[in-house]
Amino acid sequence: MKNLKLKSLLLAAVIAFGFTSCSDEENGNEEGSAQLAVRMTDAPGDYDHVWVDVEDVMIKTEAAIGEEESQWESLPNVEAGRYDLLQLTGGVSQLLVDAEIPAGYLDQIRLVLGPDNVVVIEGEEIPLATPSAEQSGLKLQVDQELEAGESYEYLLDFDVDESVVITGNSGYILKPVIRISAMANTGSIMGKVHPTDFQSLVKAQNASHTISAYTDATGNFVLHGVPAGTYQVTITPAAETGLDVVPVNNVEVEEDSAIDLETIYLE
């Protein structure tokens, strides 16, 4: 897979993601409202590019008294557009929306996709047929009470390998598989892989979770949205290098913390 030329300030990204809340006075929210941010990142796949067409981000809150079920509402100021998921690795993420909403119970977030989705393989652009169910919006369960005067950030981790599906007629369809995590309830794992003249796949895994990303052009990586726990981190270099996979055992991750594995050397 082509080496991705990414520009990221990784430590700054970790600090930004680690931000969990602020006071009413600091964020300027009016009483009775909360700040909601939604970002998108990528769990990698073996393609040149995967372009997804984001049209809307919607939320469903607690039903009002007398209503059987609340209605979906579009968030204001959504950064709609086409995004290359394979640029969202190495610690890079895309802000989709940052909006003030009424405080209260947040049930679900819905990511709505348009029809202009494409996978690029060996330089060839292939349209990604998107089933109508995915276009109407992928529902992601949140189940969190948003308190007035607080800020909340959610990361949508788009699993490219699982989301791009080969059909029987050699075509491709997009069936999004997304892991959602609240940044305040998770930690991060960062580091650098050497040599840096090729990409390596970095994966943190335990019995319950698997989080992965590629290194960027300078060998840096950040795994965001890692639930608290103990992980084995494996660094897998590109197969053509002939270098060995390197495991890092017993990596302890805590909520709202960043673990720096520093430089990992491949041999």
C-alpha atoms as a PDB file:
ATOM      1  CA  MET A   1       0.000   0.000   0.000  1.00  0.00           C
ATOM      2  CA  LYS A   2       1.245   3.466  -0.793  1.00  0.00           C
ATOM      3  CA  ASN A   3       3.016   5.371   1.936  1.00  0.00           C
ATOM      4  CA  LEU A   4       0.649   8.065   3.190  1.00  0.00           C
ATOM      5  CA  LYS A   5       2.097  11.552   3.492  1.00  0.00           C
ATOM      6  CA  LEU A   6       0.443  12.766   6.654  1.00  0.00           C
ATOM      7  CA  LYS A   7       1.051  15.922   8.623  1.00  0.00           C
ATOM      8  CA  SER A   8       0.149  15.528  12.278  1.00  0.00           C
ATOM      9  CA  LEU A   9       1.145  16.994  15.568  1.00  0.00           C
ATOM     10  CA  LEU A  10       0.649  13.791  17.497  1.00  0.00           C
ATOM     11  CA  LEU A  11       1.292  14.967  21.005  1.00  0.00           C
ATOM     12  CA  ALA A  12      -0.972  17.935  20.471  1.00  0.00           C
ATOM     13  CA  ALA A  13      -3.642  15.569  19.166  1.00  0.00           C
ATOM     14  CA  VAL A  14      -3.380  13.387  22.251  1.00  0.00           C
ATOM     15  CA  ILE A  15      -3.687  16.416  24.519  1.00  0.00           C
ATOM     16  CA  ALA A  16      -6.691  17.646  22.550  1.00  0.00           C
ATOM     17  CA  PHE A  17      -8.403  14.254  22.693  1.00  0.00           C
ATOM     18  CA  GLY A  18      -7.648  13.995  26.407  1.00  0.00           C
ATOM     19  CA  PHE A  19      -9.716  17.103  27.047  1.00  0.00           C
ATOM     20  CA  THR A  20     -12.880  15.900  28.725  1.00  0.00           C
ATOM     21  CA  SER A  21     -14.866  18.818  30.027  1.00  0.00           C
ATOM     22  CA  CYS A  22     -14.799  22.483  30.888  1.00  0.00           C
ATOM     23  CA  SER A  23     -16.789  24.816  33.066  1.00  0.00           C
ATOM     24  CA  ASP A  24     -19.752  26.897  31.965  1.00  0.00           C
ATOM     25  CA  GLU A  25     -17.621  30.008  32.204  1.00  0.00           C
ATOM     26  CA  GLU A  26     -14.759  28.541  30.134  1.00  0.00           C
ATOM     27  CA  ASN A  27     -16.770  27.275  27.162  1.00  0.00           C
ATOM     28  CA  GLY A  28     -19.364  30.010  27.060  1.00  0.00           C
ATOM     29  CA  ASN A  29     -22.292  27.601  26.972  1.00  0.00           C
ATOM     30  CA  GLU A  30     -25.626  28.848  28.090  1.00  0.00           C
ATOM     31  CA  GLU A  31     -27.228  27.166  31.067  1.00  0.00           C
ATOM     32  CA  GLY A  32     -28.927  23.939  30.040  1.00  0.00           C
ATOM     33  CA  SER A  33     -26.660  23.132  27.072  1.00  0.00           C
ATOM     34  CA  ALA A  34     -23.655  20.903  26.430  1.00  0.00           C
ATOM     35  CA  GLN A  35     -20.954  20.911  23.762  1.00  0.00           C
ATOM     36  CA  LEU A  36     -20.787  17.868  21.479  1.00  0.00           C
ATOM     37  CA  ALA A  37     -17.914  17.097  19.085  1.00  0.00           C
ATOM     38  CA  VAL A  38     -17.754  14.106  16.722  1.00  0.00           C
ATOM     39  CA  ARG A  39     -14.534  13.056  14.983  1.00  0.00           C
ATOM     40  CA  MET A  40     -13.788  10.323  12.456  1.00  0.00           C
ATOM     41  CA  THR A  41     -10.627   8.231  12.172  1.00  0.00           C
ATOM     42  CA  ASP A  42      -9.590   5.008  10.444  1.00  0.00           C
ATOM     43  CA  ALA A  43      -8.748   1.440  11.318  1.00  0.00           C
ATOM     44  CA  PRO A  44      -6.592   0.664   8.279  1.00  0.00           C
ATOM     45  CA  GLY A  45      -7.202  -1.354   5.146  1.00  0.00           C
ATOM     46  CA  ASP A  46      -5.000  -2.468   2.259  1.00  0.00           C
ATOM     47  CA  TYR A  47      -6.132   0.006  -0.427  1.00  0.00           C
ATOM     48  CA  ASP A  48      -4.697   3.119  -2.065  1.00  0.00           C
ATOM     49  CA  HIS A  49      -7.626   5.299  -1.001  1.00  0.00           C
ATOM     50  CA  VAL A  50     -11.126   4.853   0.373  1.00  0.00           C
ATOM     51  CA  TRP A  51     -13.283   7.941  -0.139  1.00  0.00           C
ATOM     52  CA  VAL A  52     -16.504   8.236   1.854  1.00  0.00           C
ATOM     53  CA  ASP A  53     -19.198  10.822   1.219  1.00  0.00           C
ATOM     54  CA  VAL A  54     -20.378  12.260   4.556  1.00  0.00           C
ATOM     55  CA  GLU A  55     -23.663  14.134   4.228  1.00  0.00           C
ATOM     56  CA  ASP A  56     -24.916  14.558   7.781  1.00  0.00           C
ATOM     57  CA  VAL A  57     -24.450  13.753  11.466  1.00  0.00           C
ATOM     58  CA  MET A  58     -27.678  13.311  13.431  1.00  0.00           C
ATOM     59  CA  ILE A  59     -28.556  12.610  17.048  1.00  0.00           C
ATOM     60  CA  LYS A  60     -31.469  11.056  18.900  1.00  0.00           C
ATOM     61  CA  THR A  61     -32.116  12.220  22.449  1.00  0.00           C
ATOM     62  CA  GLU A  62     -34.528  11.158  25.170  1.00  0.00           C
ATOM     63  CA  ALA A  63     -38.183  11.308  24.147  1.00  0.00           C
ATOM     64  CA  ALA A  64     -40.168  14.203  25.525  1.00  0.00           C
ATOM     65  CA  ILE A  65     -43.026  13.529  27.959  1.00  0.00           C
ATOM     66  CA  GLY A  66     -45.984  12.174  26.013  1.00  0.00           C
ATOM     67  CA  GLU A  67     -43.865  10.964  23.077  1.00  0.00           C
ATOM     68  CA  GLU A  68     -43.270   7.272  22.453  1.00  0.00           C
ATOM     69  CA  GLU A  69     -39.955   7.900  20.690  1.00  0.00           C
ATOM     70  CA  SER A  70     -37.853  10.972  19.965  1.00  0.00           C
ATOM     71  CA  GLN A  71     -37.078  12.089  16.412  1.00  0.00           C
ATOM     72  CA  TRP A  72     -33.674  12.213  14.730  1.00  0.00           C
ATOM     73  CA  GLU A  73     -32.229  15.730  14.513  1.00  0.00           C
ATOM     74  CA  SER A  74     -29.409  16.978  12.293  1.00  0.00           C
ATOM     75  CA  LEU A  75     -26.596  18.735  14.128  1.00  0.00           C
ATOM     76  CA  PRO A  76     -25.717  22.261  12.983  1.00  0.00           C
ATOM     77  CA  ASN A  77     -22.514  23.089  11.087  1.00  0.00           C
ATOM     78  CA  VAL A  78     -21.695  19.532  10.000  1.00  0.00           C
ATOM     79  CA  GLU A  79     -18.464  19.393   7.962  1.00  0.00           C
ATOM     80  CA  ALA A  80     -20.036  17.496   5.074  1.00  0.00           C
ATOM     81  CA  GLY A  81     -17.756  16.315   2.283  1.00  0.00           C
ATOM     82  CA  ARG A  82     -15.721  13.449   0.827  1.00  0.00           C
ATOM     83  CA  TYR A  83     -12.956  12.147   3.075  1.00  0.00           C
ATOM     84  CA  ASP A  84     -10.167   9.694   2.328  1.00  0.00           C
ATOM     85  CA  LEU A  85     -10.240   7.314   5.279  1.00  0.00           C
ATOM     86  CA  LEU A  86      -6.682   6.207   4.604  1.00  0.00           C
ATOM     87  CA  GLN A  87      -5.465   9.724   5.385  1.00  0.00           C
ATOM     88  CA  LEU A  88      -7.017   9.396   8.843  1.00  0.00           C
ATOM     89  CA  THR A  89      -4.348   7.244  10.436  1.00  0.00           C
ATOM     90  CA  GLY A  90      -1.125   7.764  12.362  1.00  0.00           C
ATOM     91  CA  GLY A  91      -3.098   9.793  14.898  1.00  0.00           C
ATOM     92  CA  VAL A  92      -4.962  11.999  12.420  1.00  0.00           C
ATOM     93  CA  SER A  93      -8.720  12.479  12.725  1.00  0.00           C
ATOM     94  CA  GLN A  94     -11.358  14.536  10.935  1.00  0.00           C
ATOM     95  CA  LEU A  95     -13.686  16.805  12.880  1.00  0.00           C
ATOM     96  CA  LEU A  96     -17.201  16.233  11.528  1.00  0.00           C
ATOM     97  CA  VAL A  97     -19.143  18.491  13.862  1.00  0.00           C
ATOM     98  CA  ASP A  98     -18.712  20.600  17.008  1.00  0.00           C
ATOM     99  CA  ALA A  99     -22.068  21.902  18.163  1.00  0.00           C
ATOM    100  CA  GLU A 100     -23.940  23.115  21.197  1.00  0.00           C
ATOM    101  CA  ILE A 101     -26.970  20.975  22.009  1.00  0.00           C
ATOM    102  CA  PRO A 102     -29.468  20.822  24.888  1.00  0.00           C
ATOM    103  CA  ALA A 103     -28.173  18.926  27.894  1.00  0.00           C
ATOM    104  CA  GLY A 104     -29.832  15.604  28.636  1.00  0.00           C
ATOM    105  CA  TYR A 105     -29.745  11.952  27.637  1.00  0.00           C
ATOM    106  CA  LEU A 106     -28.025  11.216  24.302  1.00  0.00           C
ATOM    107  CA  ASP A 107     -29.307   7.919  22.928  1.00  0.00           C
ATOM    108  CA  GLN A 108     -27.647   7.522  19.502  1.00  0.00           C
ATOM    109  CA  ILE A 109     -25.515   9.223  16.863  1.00  0.00           C
ATOM    110  CA  ARG A 110     -26.223   8.592  13.189  1.00  0.00           C
ATOM    111  CA  LEU A 111     -23.652   9.041  10.410  1.00  0.00           C
ATOM    112  CA  VAL A 112     -25.408   9.675   7.094  1.00  0.00           C
ATOM    113  CA  LEU A 113     -23.512   8.852   3.896  1.00  0.00           C
ATOM    114  CA  GLY A 114     -24.139  10.025   0.365  1.00  0.00           C
ATOM    115  CA  PRO A 115     -23.699   8.045  -2.894  1.00  0.00           C
ATOM    116  CA  ASP A 116     -20.242   9.291  -3.916  1.00  0.00           C
ATOM    117  CA  ASN A 117     -18.085   6.613  -2.252  1.00  0.00           C
ATOM    118  CA  VAL A 118     -15.023   5.204  -4.035  1.00  0.00           C
ATOM    119  CA  VAL A 119     -12.206   2.714  -3.389  1.00  0.00           C
ATOM    120  CA  VAL A 120      -8.904   3.104  -5.267  1.00  0.00           C
ATOM    121  CA  ILE A 121      -6.926  -0.087  -5.939  1.00  0.00           C
ATOM    122  CA  GLU A 122      -3.599   0.067  -7.803  1.00  0.00           C
ATOM    123  CA  GLY A 123      -4.593   3.461  -9.155  1.00  0.00           C
ATOM    124  CA  GLU A 124      -8.019   2.374 -10.418  1.00  0.00           C
ATOM    125  CA  GLU A 125     -11.103   4.111  -9.009  1.00  0.00           C
ATOM    126  CA  ILE A 126     -13.940   1.686  -8.306  1.00  0.00           C
ATOM    127  CA  PRO A 127     -17.357   2.974  -7.170  1.00  0.00           C
ATOM    128  CA  LEU A 128     -18.516   1.648  -3.820  1.00  0.00           C
ATOM    129  CA  ALA A 129     -22.167   0.720  -4.077  1.00  0.00           C
ATOM    130  CA  THR A 130     -23.794   1.791  -0.834  1.00  0.00           C
ATOM    131  CA  PRO A 131     -26.955  -0.033   0.306  1.00  0.00           C
ATOM    132  CA  SER A 132     -29.831   2.309   1.063  1.00  0.00           C
ATOM    133  CA  ALA A 133     -29.765   1.302   4.736  1.00  0.00           C
ATOM    134  CA  GLU A 134     -26.212   2.633   5.046  1.00  0.00           C
ATOM    135  CA  GLN A 135     -27.014   5.821   3.135  1.00  0.00           C
ATOM    136  CA  SER A 136     -29.966   6.564   5.414  1.00  0.00           C
ATOM    137  CA  GLY A 137     -27.580   6.475   8.333  1.00  0.00           C
ATOM    138  CA  LEU A 138     -25.542   4.100  10.436  1.00  0.00           C
ATOM    139  CA  LYS A 139     -26.867   4.175  14.005  1.00  0.00           C
ATOM    140  CA  LEU A 140     -24.242   4.220  16.767  1.00  0.00           C
ATOM    141  CA  GLN A 141     -25.327   3.636  20.351  1.00  0.00           C
ATOM    142  CA  VAL A 142     -24.163   6.232  22.896  1.00  0.00           C
ATOM    143  CA  ASP A 143     -26.366   5.945  26.024  1.00  0.00           C
ATOM    144  CA  GLN A 144     -24.867   8.852  27.948  1.00  0.00           C
ATOM    145  CA  GLU A 145     -26.280  11.682  30.035  1.00  0.00           C
ATOM    146  CA  LEU A 146     -24.845  15.009  28.845  1.00  0.00           C
ATOM    147  CA  GLU A 147     -24.584  17.510  31.680  1.00  0.00           C
ATOM    148  CA  ALA A 148     -25.079  21.237  31.191  1.00  0.00           C
ATOM    149  CA  GLY A 149     -21.859  23.198  30.855  1.00  0.00           C
ATOM    150  CA  GLU A 150     -19.748  20.163  29.928  1.00  0.00           C
ATOM    151  CA  SER A 151     -18.034  19.191  26.665  1.00  0.00           C
ATOM    152  CA  TYR A 152     -18.167  15.702  25.163  1.00  0.00           C
ATOM    153  CA  GLU A 153     -16.145  14.234  22.316  1.00  0.00           C
ATOM    154  CA  TYR A 154     -16.827  10.998  20.446  1.00  0.00           C
ATOM    155  CA  LEU A 155     -14.516   9.226  18.028  1.00  0.00           C
ATOM    156  CA  LEU A 156     -15.909   7.190  15.124  1.00  0.00           C
ATOM    157  CA  ASP A 157     -13.279   4.570  14.242  1.00  0.00           C
ATOM    158  CA  PHE A 158     -14.053   3.445  10.676  1.00  0.00           C
ATOM    159  CA  ASP A 159     -12.829  -0.137  10.081  1.00  0.00           C
ATOM    160  CA  VAL A 160     -11.886  -0.091   6.398  1.00  0.00           C
ATOM    161  CA  ASP A 161     -11.077  -3.806   6.067  1.00  0.00           C
ATOM    162  CA  GLU A 162     -14.488  -4.780   7.445  1.00  0.00           C
ATOM    163  CA  SER A 163     -16.400  -1.982   5.695  1.00  0.00           C
ATOM    164  CA  VAL A 164     -15.273  -2.544   2.094  1.00  0.00           C
ATOM    165  CA  VAL A 165     -16.865  -5.797   0.910  1.00  0.00           C
ATOM    166  CA  ILE A 166     -16.072  -7.635  -2.333  1.00  0.00           C
ATOM    167  CA  THR A 167     -19.203  -8.862  -4.117  1.00  0.00           C
ATOM    168  CA  GLY A 168     -19.593 -11.984  -6.250  1.00  0.00           C
ATOM    169  CA  ASN A 169     -19.268 -10.056  -9.522  1.00  0.00           C
ATOM    170  CA  SER A 170     -15.882  -8.538  -8.536  1.00  0.00           C
ATOM    171  CA  GLY A 171     -17.529  -5.305  -7.498  1.00  0.00           C
ATOM    172  CA  TYR A 172     -17.289  -3.575  -4.139  1.00  0.00           C
ATOM    173  CA  ILE A 173     -19.882  -2.329  -1.695  1.00  0.00           C
ATOM    174  CA  LEU A 174     -19.565  -0.145   1.379  1.00  0.00           C
ATOM    175  CA  LYS A 175     -21.125  -1.566   4.544  1.00  0.00           C
ATOM    176  CA  PRO A 176     -19.686   0.653   7.279  1.00  0.00           C
ATOM    177  CA  VAL A 177     -18.328  -0.972  10.431  1.00  0.00           C
ATOM    178  CA  ILE A 178     -17.634   1.768  12.979  1.00  0.00           C
ATOM    179  CA  ARG A 179     -16.474   1.617  16.582  1.00  0.00           C
ATOM    180  CA  ILE A 180     -17.633   4.589  18.659  1.00  0.00           C
ATOM    181  CA  SER A 181     -15.838   5.653  21.821  1.00  0.00           C
ATOM    182  CA  ALA A 182     -16.209   8.542  24.256  1.00  0.00           C
ATOM    183  CA  MET A 183     -12.811  10.176  24.504  1.00  0.00           C
ATOM    184  CA  ALA A 184     -13.278  11.029  28.192  1.00  0.00           C
ATOM    185  CA  ASN A 185     -13.644   7.325  29.038  1.00  0.00           C
ATOM    186  CA  THR A 186     -10.663   6.030  27.083  1.00  0.00           C
ATOM    187  CA  GLY A 187      -6.913   6.459  26.765  1.00  0.00           C
ATOM    188  CA  SER A 188      -4.333   6.571  23.962  1.00  0.00           C
ATOM    189  CA  ILE A 189      -1.208   4.647  22.970  1.00  0.00           C
ATOM    190  CA  MET A 190       1.447   6.510  21.013  1.00  0.00           C
ATOM    191  CA  GLY A 191       4.986   5.943  19.833  1.00  0.00           C
ATOM    192  CA  LYS A 192       7.322   5.812  16.855  1.00  0.00           C
ATOM    193  CA  VAL A 193       8.484   2.917  14.674  1.00  0.00           C
ATOM    194  CA  HIS A 194      11.954   2.807  13.100  1.00  0.00           C
ATOM    195  CA  PRO A 195      12.898   2.486  10.216  1.00  0.00           C
ATOM    196  CA  THR A 196      10.498   5.076   8.815  1.00  0.00           C
ATOM    197  CA  ASP A 197      10.789   4.550   5.038  1.00  0.00           C
ATOM    198  CA  PHE A 198       7.722   2.278   4.954  1.00  0.00           C
ATOM    199  CA  GLN A 199       4.457   1.947   6.824  1.00  0.00           C
ATOM    200  CA  SER A 200       3.893  -0.429   9.718  1.00  0.00           C
ATOM    201  CA  LEU A 201       0.594  -1.633  11.122  1.00  0.00           C
ATOM    202  CA  VAL A 202       0.232  -1.050  14.864  1.00  0.00           C
ATOM    203  CA  LYS A 203      -2.445  -3.038  16.679  1.00  0.00           C
ATOM    204  CA  ALA A 204      -3.480  -3.061  20.356  1.00  0.00           C
ATOM    205  CA  GLN A 205      -5.508  -6.112  21.308  1.00  0.00           C
ATOM    206  CA  ASN A 206      -6.974  -7.868  24.329  1.00  0.00           C
ATOM    207  CA  ALA A 207      -9.893 -10.240  24.831  1.00  0.00           C
ATOM    208  CA  SER A 208     -12.450  -7.466  24.373  1.00  0.00           C
ATOM    209  CA  HIS A 209     -10.991  -4.856  22.021  1.00  0.00           C
ATOM    210  CA  THR A 210      -8.837  -4.419  18.936  1.00  0.00           C
ATOM    211  CA  ILE A 211      -7.624  -0.950  17.908  1.00  0.00           C
ATOM    212  CA  SER A 212      -5.229  -0.398  15.022  1.00  0.00           C
ATOM    213  CA  ALA A 213      -3.598   2.285  12.888  1.00  0.00           C
ATOM    214  CA  TYR A 214      -0.765   2.697  10.427  1.00  0.00           C
ATOM    215  CA  THR A 215       2.355   4.734  11.126  1.00  0.00           C
ATOM    216  CA  ASP A 216       2.611   8.054   9.310  1.00  0.00           C
ATOM    217  CA  ALA A 217       5.389   9.221   6.981  1.00  0.00           C
ATOM    218  CA  THR A 218       7.720   9.888   9.918  1.00  0.00           C
ATOM    219  CA  GLY A 219       6.991   6.589  11.696  1.00  0.00           C
ATOM    220  CA  ASN A 220       4.711   8.061  14.362  1.00  0.00           C
ATOM    221  CA  PHE A 221       1.440   6.483  15.455  1.00  0.00           C
ATOM    222  CA  VAL A 222      -1.382   7.129  17.907  1.00  0.00           C
ATOM    223  CA  LEU A 223      -4.138   4.698  18.831  1.00  0.00           C
ATOM    224  CA  HIS A 224      -7.038   6.808  20.088  1.00  0.00           C
ATOM    225  CA  GLY A 225     -10.140   5.668  21.947  1.00  0.00           C
ATOM    226  CA  VAL A 226      -8.495   2.732  23.726  1.00  0.00           C
ATOM    227  CA  PRO A 227     -10.680   1.462  26.601  1.00  0.00           C
ATOM    228  CA  ALA A 228      -8.904   1.024  29.940  1.00  0.00           C
ATOM    229  CA  GLY A 229      -7.215  -2.358  30.251  1.00  0.00           C
ATOM    230  CA  THR A 230      -4.091  -4.381  29.522  1.00  0.00           C
ATOM    231  CA  TYR A 231      -3.102  -4.857  25.866  1.00  0.00           C
ATOM    232  CA  GLN A 232      -0.581  -6.579  23.684  1.00  0.00           C
ATOM    233  CA  VAL A 233       0.643  -4.122  21.065  1.00  0.00           C
ATOM    234  CA  THR A 234       2.071  -5.640  17.869  1.00  0.00           C
ATOM    235  CA  ILE A 235       3.993  -3.766  15.184  1.00  0.00           C
ATOM    236  CA  THR A 236       3.777  -5.455  11.790  1.00  0.00           C
ATOM    237  CA  PRO A 237       6.058  -4.033   9.059  1.00  0.00           C
ATOM    238  CA  ALA A 238       5.215  -4.232   5.366  1.00  0.00           C
ATOM    239  CA  ALA A 239       5.698  -7.831   4.195  1.00  0.00           C
ATOM    240  CA  GLU A 240       8.209  -6.935   1.486  1.00  0.00           C
ATOM    241  CA  THR A 241      10.681  -5.574   4.081  1.00  0.00           C
ATOM    242  CA  GLY A 242      11.365  -9.030   5.529  1.00  0.00           C
ATOM    243  CA  LEU A 243      11.460  -7.545   9.034  1.00  0.00           C
ATOM    244  CA  ASP A 244       9.969  -9.342  12.015  1.00  0.00           C
ATOM    245  CA  VAL A 245       6.749  -8.509  13.835  1.00  0.00           C
ATOM    246  CA  VAL A 246       7.530  -6.892  17.195  1.00  0.00           C
ATOM    247  CA  PRO A 247       5.221  -7.480  20.190  1.00  0.00           C
ATOM    248  CA  VAL A 248       5.026  -5.172  23.192  1.00  0.00           C
ATOM    249  CA  ASN A 249       3.334  -6.999  26.062  1.00  0.00           C
ATOM    250  CA  ASN A 250       1.358  -5.820  29.090  1.00  0.00           C
ATOM    251  CA  VAL A 251       0.662  -2.261  27.993  1.00  0.00           C
ATOM    252  CA  GLU A 252      -1.555  -0.763  30.718  1.00  0.00           C
ATOM    253  CA  VAL A 253      -4.045   1.852  29.536  1.00  0.00           C
ATOM    254  CA  GLU A 254      -6.037   4.050  31.911  1.00  0.00           C
ATOM    255  CA  GLU A 255      -8.925   6.400  31.225  1.00  0.00           C
ATOM    256  CA  ASP A 256      -7.946   9.911  30.108  1.00  0.00           C
ATOM    257  CA  SER A 257      -4.243   9.056  29.806  1.00  0.00           C
ATOM    258  CA  ALA A 258      -1.679   8.739  27.023  1.00  0.00           C
ATOM    259  CA  ILE A 259       0.862   5.897  27.080  1.00  0.00           C
ATOM    260  CA  ASP A 260       4.073   6.644  25.166  1.00  0.00           C
ATOM    261  CA  LEU A 261       5.906   3.527  23.947  1.00  0.00           C
ATOM    262  CA  GLU A 262       8.652   5.804  22.587  1.00  0.00           C
ATOM    263  CA  THR A 263      10.726   4.439  19.677  1.00  0.00           C
ATOM    264  CA  ILE A 264      10.294   0.786  18.671  1.00  0.00           C
ATOM    265  CA  TYR A 265      13.036  -0.627  16.453  1.00  0.00           C
ATOM    266  CA  LEU A 266      12.298  -3.283  13.833  1.00  0.00           C
ATOM    267  CA  GLU A 267      14.921  -5.854  12.881  1.00  0.00           C
END
